[in-house]
Amino acid sequence: MVAVINRDECVGCGTCVDDCPSEAIVMDGDNIAVVDADECLDCGACVDSCPTDAITME
């Protein structure tokens, strides 16, 4: 499983970036979170921290 960001729900707050222990999430040029699937640890920390529930594990 890997974290997946719903671009329509992401508000660009960066909470997931700060909370990701593997630094697998960065903000793109549109200020939307993007996950590097190769770096994702499947821990779900980002899912728990997202205030808009824009992240799921798939």
PDB file of N, CA and C in Angstrom:
ATOM      1  N   MET A   1       0.841  -1.186   0.000  1.00  0.00           N
ATOM      2  CA  MET A   1       0.000   0.000   0.000  1.00  0.00           C
ATOM      3  C   MET A   1       0.882   1.244   0.000  1.00  0.00           C
ATOM      4  N   VAL A   2       0.298   2.306  -0.519  1.00  0.00           N
ATOM      5  CA  VAL A   2       1.023   3.565  -0.590  1.00  0.00           C
ATOM      6  C   VAL A   2       0.032   4.711  -0.386  1.00  0.00           C
ATOM      7  N   ALA A   3       0.516   5.815   0.144  1.00  0.00           N
ATOM      8  CA  ALA A   3      -0.331   6.987   0.339  1.00  0.00           C
ATOM      9  C   ALA A   3      -0.679   7.596  -1.017  1.00  0.00           C
ATOM     10  N   VAL A   4      -1.949   7.965  -1.161  1.00  0.00           N
ATOM     11  CA  VAL A   4      -2.433   8.598  -2.387  1.00  0.00           C
ATOM     12  C   VAL A   4      -3.128   9.899  -1.999  1.00  0.00           C
ATOM     13  N   ILE A   5      -2.758  10.983  -2.668  1.00  0.00           N
ATOM     14  CA  ILE A   5      -3.318  12.300  -2.389  1.00  0.00           C
ATOM     15  C   ILE A   5      -4.447  12.602  -3.372  1.00  0.00           C
ATOM     16  N   ASN A   6      -5.596  13.000  -2.849  1.00  0.00           N
ATOM     17  CA  ASN A   6      -6.693  13.476  -3.688  1.00  0.00           C
ATOM     18  C   ASN A   6      -6.438  14.959  -3.948  1.00  0.00           C
ATOM     19  N   ARG A   7      -6.021  15.284  -5.162  1.00  0.00           N
ATOM     20  CA  ARG A   7      -5.650  16.660  -5.507  1.00  0.00           C
ATOM     21  C   ARG A   7      -6.800  17.651  -5.331  1.00  0.00           C
ATOM     22  N   ASP A   8      -8.019  17.174  -5.469  1.00  0.00           N
ATOM     23  CA  ASP A   8      -9.178  18.060  -5.320  1.00  0.00           C
ATOM     24  C   ASP A   8      -9.448  18.411  -3.858  1.00  0.00           C
ATOM     25  N   GLU A   9      -8.971  17.564  -2.948  1.00  0.00           N
ATOM     26  CA  GLU A   9      -9.214  17.781  -1.520  1.00  0.00           C
ATOM     27  C   GLU A   9      -8.031  18.427  -0.803  1.00  0.00           C
ATOM     28  N   CYS A  10      -6.830  18.299  -1.360  1.00  0.00           N
ATOM     29  CA  CYS A  10      -5.629  18.848  -0.730  1.00  0.00           C
ATOM     30  C   CYS A  10      -5.676  20.378  -0.757  1.00  0.00           C
ATOM     31  N   VAL A  11      -5.468  20.993   0.419  1.00  0.00           N
ATOM     32  CA  VAL A  11      -5.476  22.449   0.523  1.00  0.00           C
ATOM     33  C   VAL A  11      -4.062  23.032   0.612  1.00  0.00           C
ATOM     34  N   GLY A  12      -3.052  22.165   0.525  1.00  0.00           N
ATOM     35  CA  GLY A  12      -1.672  22.635   0.505  1.00  0.00           C
ATOM     36  C   GLY A  12      -1.145  23.118   1.836  1.00  0.00           C
ATOM     37  N   CYS A  13      -1.666  22.602   2.938  1.00  0.00           N
ATOM     38  CA  CYS A  13      -1.235  23.070   4.260  1.00  0.00           C
ATOM     39  C   CYS A  13       0.160  22.573   4.649  1.00  0.00           C
ATOM     40  N   GLY A  14       0.583  21.438   4.067  1.00  0.00           N
ATOM     41  CA  GLY A  14       1.911  20.914   4.335  1.00  0.00           C
ATOM     42  C   GLY A  14       2.037  20.072   5.593  1.00  0.00           C
ATOM     43  N   THR A  15       0.939  19.823   6.279  1.00  0.00           N
ATOM     44  CA  THR A  15       0.988  19.015   7.491  1.00  0.00           C
ATOM     45  C   THR A  15       1.540  17.621   7.205  1.00  0.00           C
ATOM     46  N   CYS A  16       1.122  17.024   6.104  1.00  0.00           N
ATOM     47  CA  CYS A  16       1.596  15.684   5.747  1.00  0.00           C
ATOM     48  C   CYS A  16       3.092  15.680   5.460  1.00  0.00           C
ATOM     49  N   VAL A  17       3.576  16.751   4.846  1.00  0.00           N
ATOM     50  CA  VAL A  17       5.008  16.867   4.556  1.00  0.00           C
ATOM     51  C   VAL A  17       5.788  16.867   5.870  1.00  0.00           C
ATOM     52  N   ASP A  18       5.310  17.637   6.835  1.00  0.00           N
ATOM     53  CA  ASP A  18       5.977  17.734   8.135  1.00  0.00           C
ATOM     54  C   ASP A  18       5.912  16.427   8.916  1.00  0.00           C
ATOM     55  N   ASP A  19       4.813  15.685   8.769  1.00  0.00           N
ATOM     56  CA  ASP A  19       4.610  14.482   9.579  1.00  0.00           C
ATOM     57  C   ASP A  19       5.136  13.203   8.947  1.00  0.00           C
ATOM     58  N   CYS A  20       5.533  13.227   7.688  1.00  0.00           N
ATOM     59  CA  CYS A  20       6.014  12.017   7.019  1.00  0.00           C
ATOM     60  C   CYS A  20       7.422  11.662   7.511  1.00  0.00           C
ATOM     61  N   PRO A  21       7.574  10.497   8.159  1.00  0.00           N
ATOM     62  CA  PRO A  21       8.891  10.141   8.711  1.00  0.00           C
ATOM     63  C   PRO A  21       9.942   9.808   7.648  1.00  0.00           C
ATOM     64  N   SER A  22       9.507   9.487   6.430  1.00  0.00           N
ATOM     65  CA  SER A  22      10.481   9.141   5.391  1.00  0.00           C
ATOM     66  C   SER A  22      10.692  10.262   4.378  1.00  0.00           C
ATOM     67  N   GLU A  23      10.070  11.418   4.637  1.00  0.00           N
ATOM     68  CA  GLU A  23      10.172  12.569   3.726  1.00  0.00           C
ATOM     69  C   GLU A  23       9.750  12.195   2.312  1.00  0.00           C
ATOM     70  N   ALA A  24       8.727  11.343   2.201  1.00  0.00           N
ATOM     71  CA  ALA A  24       8.246  10.867   0.904  1.00  0.00           C
ATOM     72  C   ALA A  24       7.243  11.830   0.264  1.00  0.00           C
ATOM     73  N   ILE A  25       6.831  12.860   0.998  1.00  0.00           N
ATOM     74  CA  ILE A  25       5.832  13.792   0.479  1.00  0.00           C
ATOM     75  C   ILE A  25       6.460  15.165   0.315  1.00  0.00           C
ATOM     76  N   VAL A  26       6.226  15.764  -0.838  1.00  0.00           N
ATOM     77  CA  VAL A  26       6.685  17.122  -1.123  1.00  0.00           C
ATOM     78  C   VAL A  26       5.518  17.896  -1.720  1.00  0.00           C
ATOM     79  N   MET A  27       5.653  19.199  -1.737  1.00  0.00           N
ATOM     80  CA  MET A  27       4.640  20.045  -2.366  1.00  0.00           C
ATOM     81  C   MET A  27       5.075  20.329  -3.804  1.00  0.00           C
ATOM     82  N   ASP A  28       4.121  20.208  -4.740  1.00  0.00           N
ATOM     83  CA  ASP A  28       4.457  20.471  -6.143  1.00  0.00           C
ATOM     84  C   ASP A  28       4.307  21.962  -6.450  1.00  0.00           C
ATOM     85  N   GLY A  29       4.472  22.336  -7.697  1.00  0.00           N
ATOM     86  CA  GLY A  29       4.408  23.734  -8.110  1.00  0.00           C
ATOM     87  C   GLY A  29       3.055  24.374  -7.893  1.00  0.00           C
ATOM     88  N   ASP A  30       2.010  23.562  -7.769  1.00  0.00           N
ATOM     89  CA  ASP A  30       0.659  24.067  -7.511  1.00  0.00           C
ATOM     90  C   ASP A  30       0.325  24.055  -6.020  1.00  0.00           C
ATOM     91  N   ASN A  31       1.337  23.801  -5.183  1.00  0.00           N
ATOM     92  CA  ASN A  31       1.177  23.713  -3.732  1.00  0.00           C
ATOM     93  C   ASN A  31       0.240  22.579  -3.327  1.00  0.00           C
ATOM     94  N   ILE A  32       0.355  21.459  -4.035  1.00  0.00           N
ATOM     95  CA  ILE A  32      -0.399  20.251  -3.741  1.00  0.00           C
ATOM     96  C   ILE A  32       0.611  19.163  -3.361  1.00  0.00           C
ATOM     97  N   ALA A  33       0.265  18.383  -2.346  1.00  0.00           N
ATOM     98  CA  ALA A  33       1.156  17.327  -1.876  1.00  0.00           C
ATOM     99  C   ALA A  33       1.274  16.209  -2.913  1.00  0.00           C
ATOM    100  N   VAL A  34       2.502  15.697  -3.070  1.00  0.00           N
ATOM    101  CA  VAL A  34       2.787  14.596  -3.988  1.00  0.00           C
ATOM    102  C   VAL A  34       3.610  13.557  -3.231  1.00  0.00           C
ATOM    103  N   VAL A  35       3.247  12.288  -3.392  1.00  0.00           N
ATOM    104  CA  VAL A  35       3.930  11.195  -2.697  1.00  0.00           C
ATOM    105  C   VAL A  35       4.903  10.491  -3.631  1.00  0.00           C
ATOM    106  N   ASP A  36       6.124  10.276  -3.158  1.00  0.00           N
ATOM    107  CA  ASP A  36       7.090   9.434  -3.849  1.00  0.00           C
ATOM    108  C   ASP A  36       6.853   8.009  -3.363  1.00  0.00           C
ATOM    109  N   ALA A  37       6.185   7.212  -4.172  1.00  0.00           N
ATOM    110  CA  ALA A  37       5.787   5.861  -3.771  1.00  0.00           C
ATOM    111  C   ALA A  37       6.976   4.997  -3.374  1.00  0.00           C
ATOM    112  N   ASP A  38       8.134   5.232  -3.946  1.00  0.00           N
ATOM    113  CA  ASP A  38       9.321   4.443  -3.618  1.00  0.00           C
ATOM    114  C   ASP A  38       9.839   4.744  -2.215  1.00  0.00           C
ATOM    115  N   GLU A  39       9.551   5.927  -1.706  1.00  0.00           N
ATOM    116  CA  GLU A  39      10.021   6.330  -0.384  1.00  0.00           C
ATOM    117  C   GLU A  39       8.970   6.127   0.705  1.00  0.00           C
ATOM    118  N   CYS A  40       7.717   5.965   0.316  1.00  0.00           N
ATOM    119  CA  CYS A  40       6.616   5.817   1.275  1.00  0.00           C
ATOM    120  C   CYS A  40       6.783   4.538   2.090  1.00  0.00           C
ATOM    121  N   LEU A  41       6.646   4.675   3.413  1.00  0.00           N
ATOM    122  CA  LEU A  41       6.792   3.537   4.329  1.00  0.00           C
ATOM    123  C   LEU A  41       5.464   2.850   4.626  1.00  0.00           C
ATOM    124  N   ASP A  42       4.383   3.348   4.052  1.00  0.00           N
ATOM    125  CA  ASP A  42       3.047   2.790   4.293  1.00  0.00           C
ATOM    126  C   ASP A  42       2.644   2.877   5.764  1.00  0.00           C
ATOM    127  N   CYS A  43       3.108   3.889   6.460  1.00  0.00           N
ATOM    128  CA  CYS A  43       2.845   3.981   7.894  1.00  0.00           C
ATOM    129  C   CYS A  43       1.516   4.646   8.220  1.00  0.00           C
ATOM    130  N   GLY A  44       1.007   5.469   7.301  1.00  0.00           N
ATOM    131  CA  GLY A  44      -0.273   6.134   7.520  1.00  0.00           C
ATOM    132  C   GLY A  44      -0.210   7.403   8.341  1.00  0.00           C
ATOM    133  N   ALA A  45       0.976   7.862   8.692  1.00  0.00           N
ATOM    134  CA  ALA A  45       1.095   9.095   9.482  1.00  0.00           C
ATOM    135  C   ALA A  45       0.450  10.273   8.761  1.00  0.00           C
ATOM    136  N   CYS A  46       0.609  10.326   7.464  1.00  0.00           N
ATOM    137  CA  CYS A  46       0.034  11.423   6.678  1.00  0.00           C
ATOM    138  C   CYS A  46      -1.490  11.360   6.665  1.00  0.00           C
ATOM    139  N   VAL A  47      -2.032  10.153   6.603  1.00  0.00           N
ATOM    140  CA  VAL A  47      -3.484   9.975   6.614  1.00  0.00           C
ATOM    141  C   VAL A  47      -4.057  10.529   7.916  1.00  0.00           C
ATOM    142  N   ASP A  48      -3.406  10.189   9.015  1.00  0.00           N
ATOM    143  CA  ASP A  48      -3.867  10.637  10.325  1.00  0.00           C
ATOM    144  C   ASP A  48      -3.743  12.142  10.502  1.00  0.00           C
ATOM    145  N   SER A  49      -2.755  12.757   9.864  1.00  0.00           N
ATOM    146  CA  SER A  49      -2.507  14.182  10.082  1.00  0.00           C
ATOM    147  C   SER A  49      -3.258  15.108   9.130  1.00  0.00           C
ATOM    148  N   CYS A  50      -3.783  14.582   8.037  1.00  0.00           N
ATOM    149  CA  CYS A  50      -4.420  15.441   7.032  1.00  0.00           C
ATOM    150  C   CYS A  50      -5.751  16.005   7.542  1.00  0.00           C
ATOM    151  N   PRO A  51      -5.861  17.338   7.642  1.00  0.00           N
ATOM    152  CA  PRO A  51      -7.086  17.930   8.174  1.00  0.00           C
ATOM    153  C   PRO A  51      -8.286  17.860   7.214  1.00  0.00           C
ATOM    154  N   THR A  52      -8.029  17.584   5.934  1.00  0.00           N
ATOM    155  CA  THR A  52      -9.136  17.518   4.973  1.00  0.00           C
ATOM    156  C   THR A  52      -9.415  16.098   4.493  1.00  0.00           C
ATOM    157  N   ASP A  53      -8.769  15.120   5.110  1.00  0.00           N
ATOM    158  CA  ASP A  53      -8.943  13.709   4.712  1.00  0.00           C
ATOM    159  C   ASP A  53      -8.670  13.493   3.227  1.00  0.00           C
ATOM    160  N   ALA A  54      -7.657  14.180   2.722  1.00  0.00           N
ATOM    161  CA  ALA A  54      -7.316  14.102   1.300  1.00  0.00           C
ATOM    162  C   ALA A  54      -6.386  12.933   0.981  1.00  0.00           C
ATOM    163  N   ILE A  55      -5.948  12.193   1.994  1.00  0.00           N
ATOM    164  CA  ILE A  55      -4.971  11.127   1.788  1.00  0.00           C
ATOM    165  C   ILE A  55      -5.569   9.782   2.197  1.00  0.00           C
ATOM    166  N   THR A  56      -5.385   8.814   1.329  1.00  0.00           N
ATOM    167  CA  THR A  56      -5.810   7.442   1.618  1.00  0.00           C
ATOM    168  C   THR A  56      -4.639   6.509   1.350  1.00  0.00           C
ATOM    169  N   MET A  57      -4.722   5.320   1.902  1.00  0.00           N
ATOM    170  CA  MET A  57      -3.720   4.290   1.619  1.00  0.00           C
ATOM    171  C   MET A  57      -4.338   3.325   0.613  1.00  0.00           C
ATOM    172  N   GLU A  58      -3.685   3.152  -0.504  1.00  0.00           N
ATOM    173  CA  GLU A  58      -4.202   2.264  -1.560  1.00  0.00           C
ATOM    174  C   GLU A  58      -3.132   1.301  -2.005  1.00  0.00           C
TER     175      GLU A  58
END
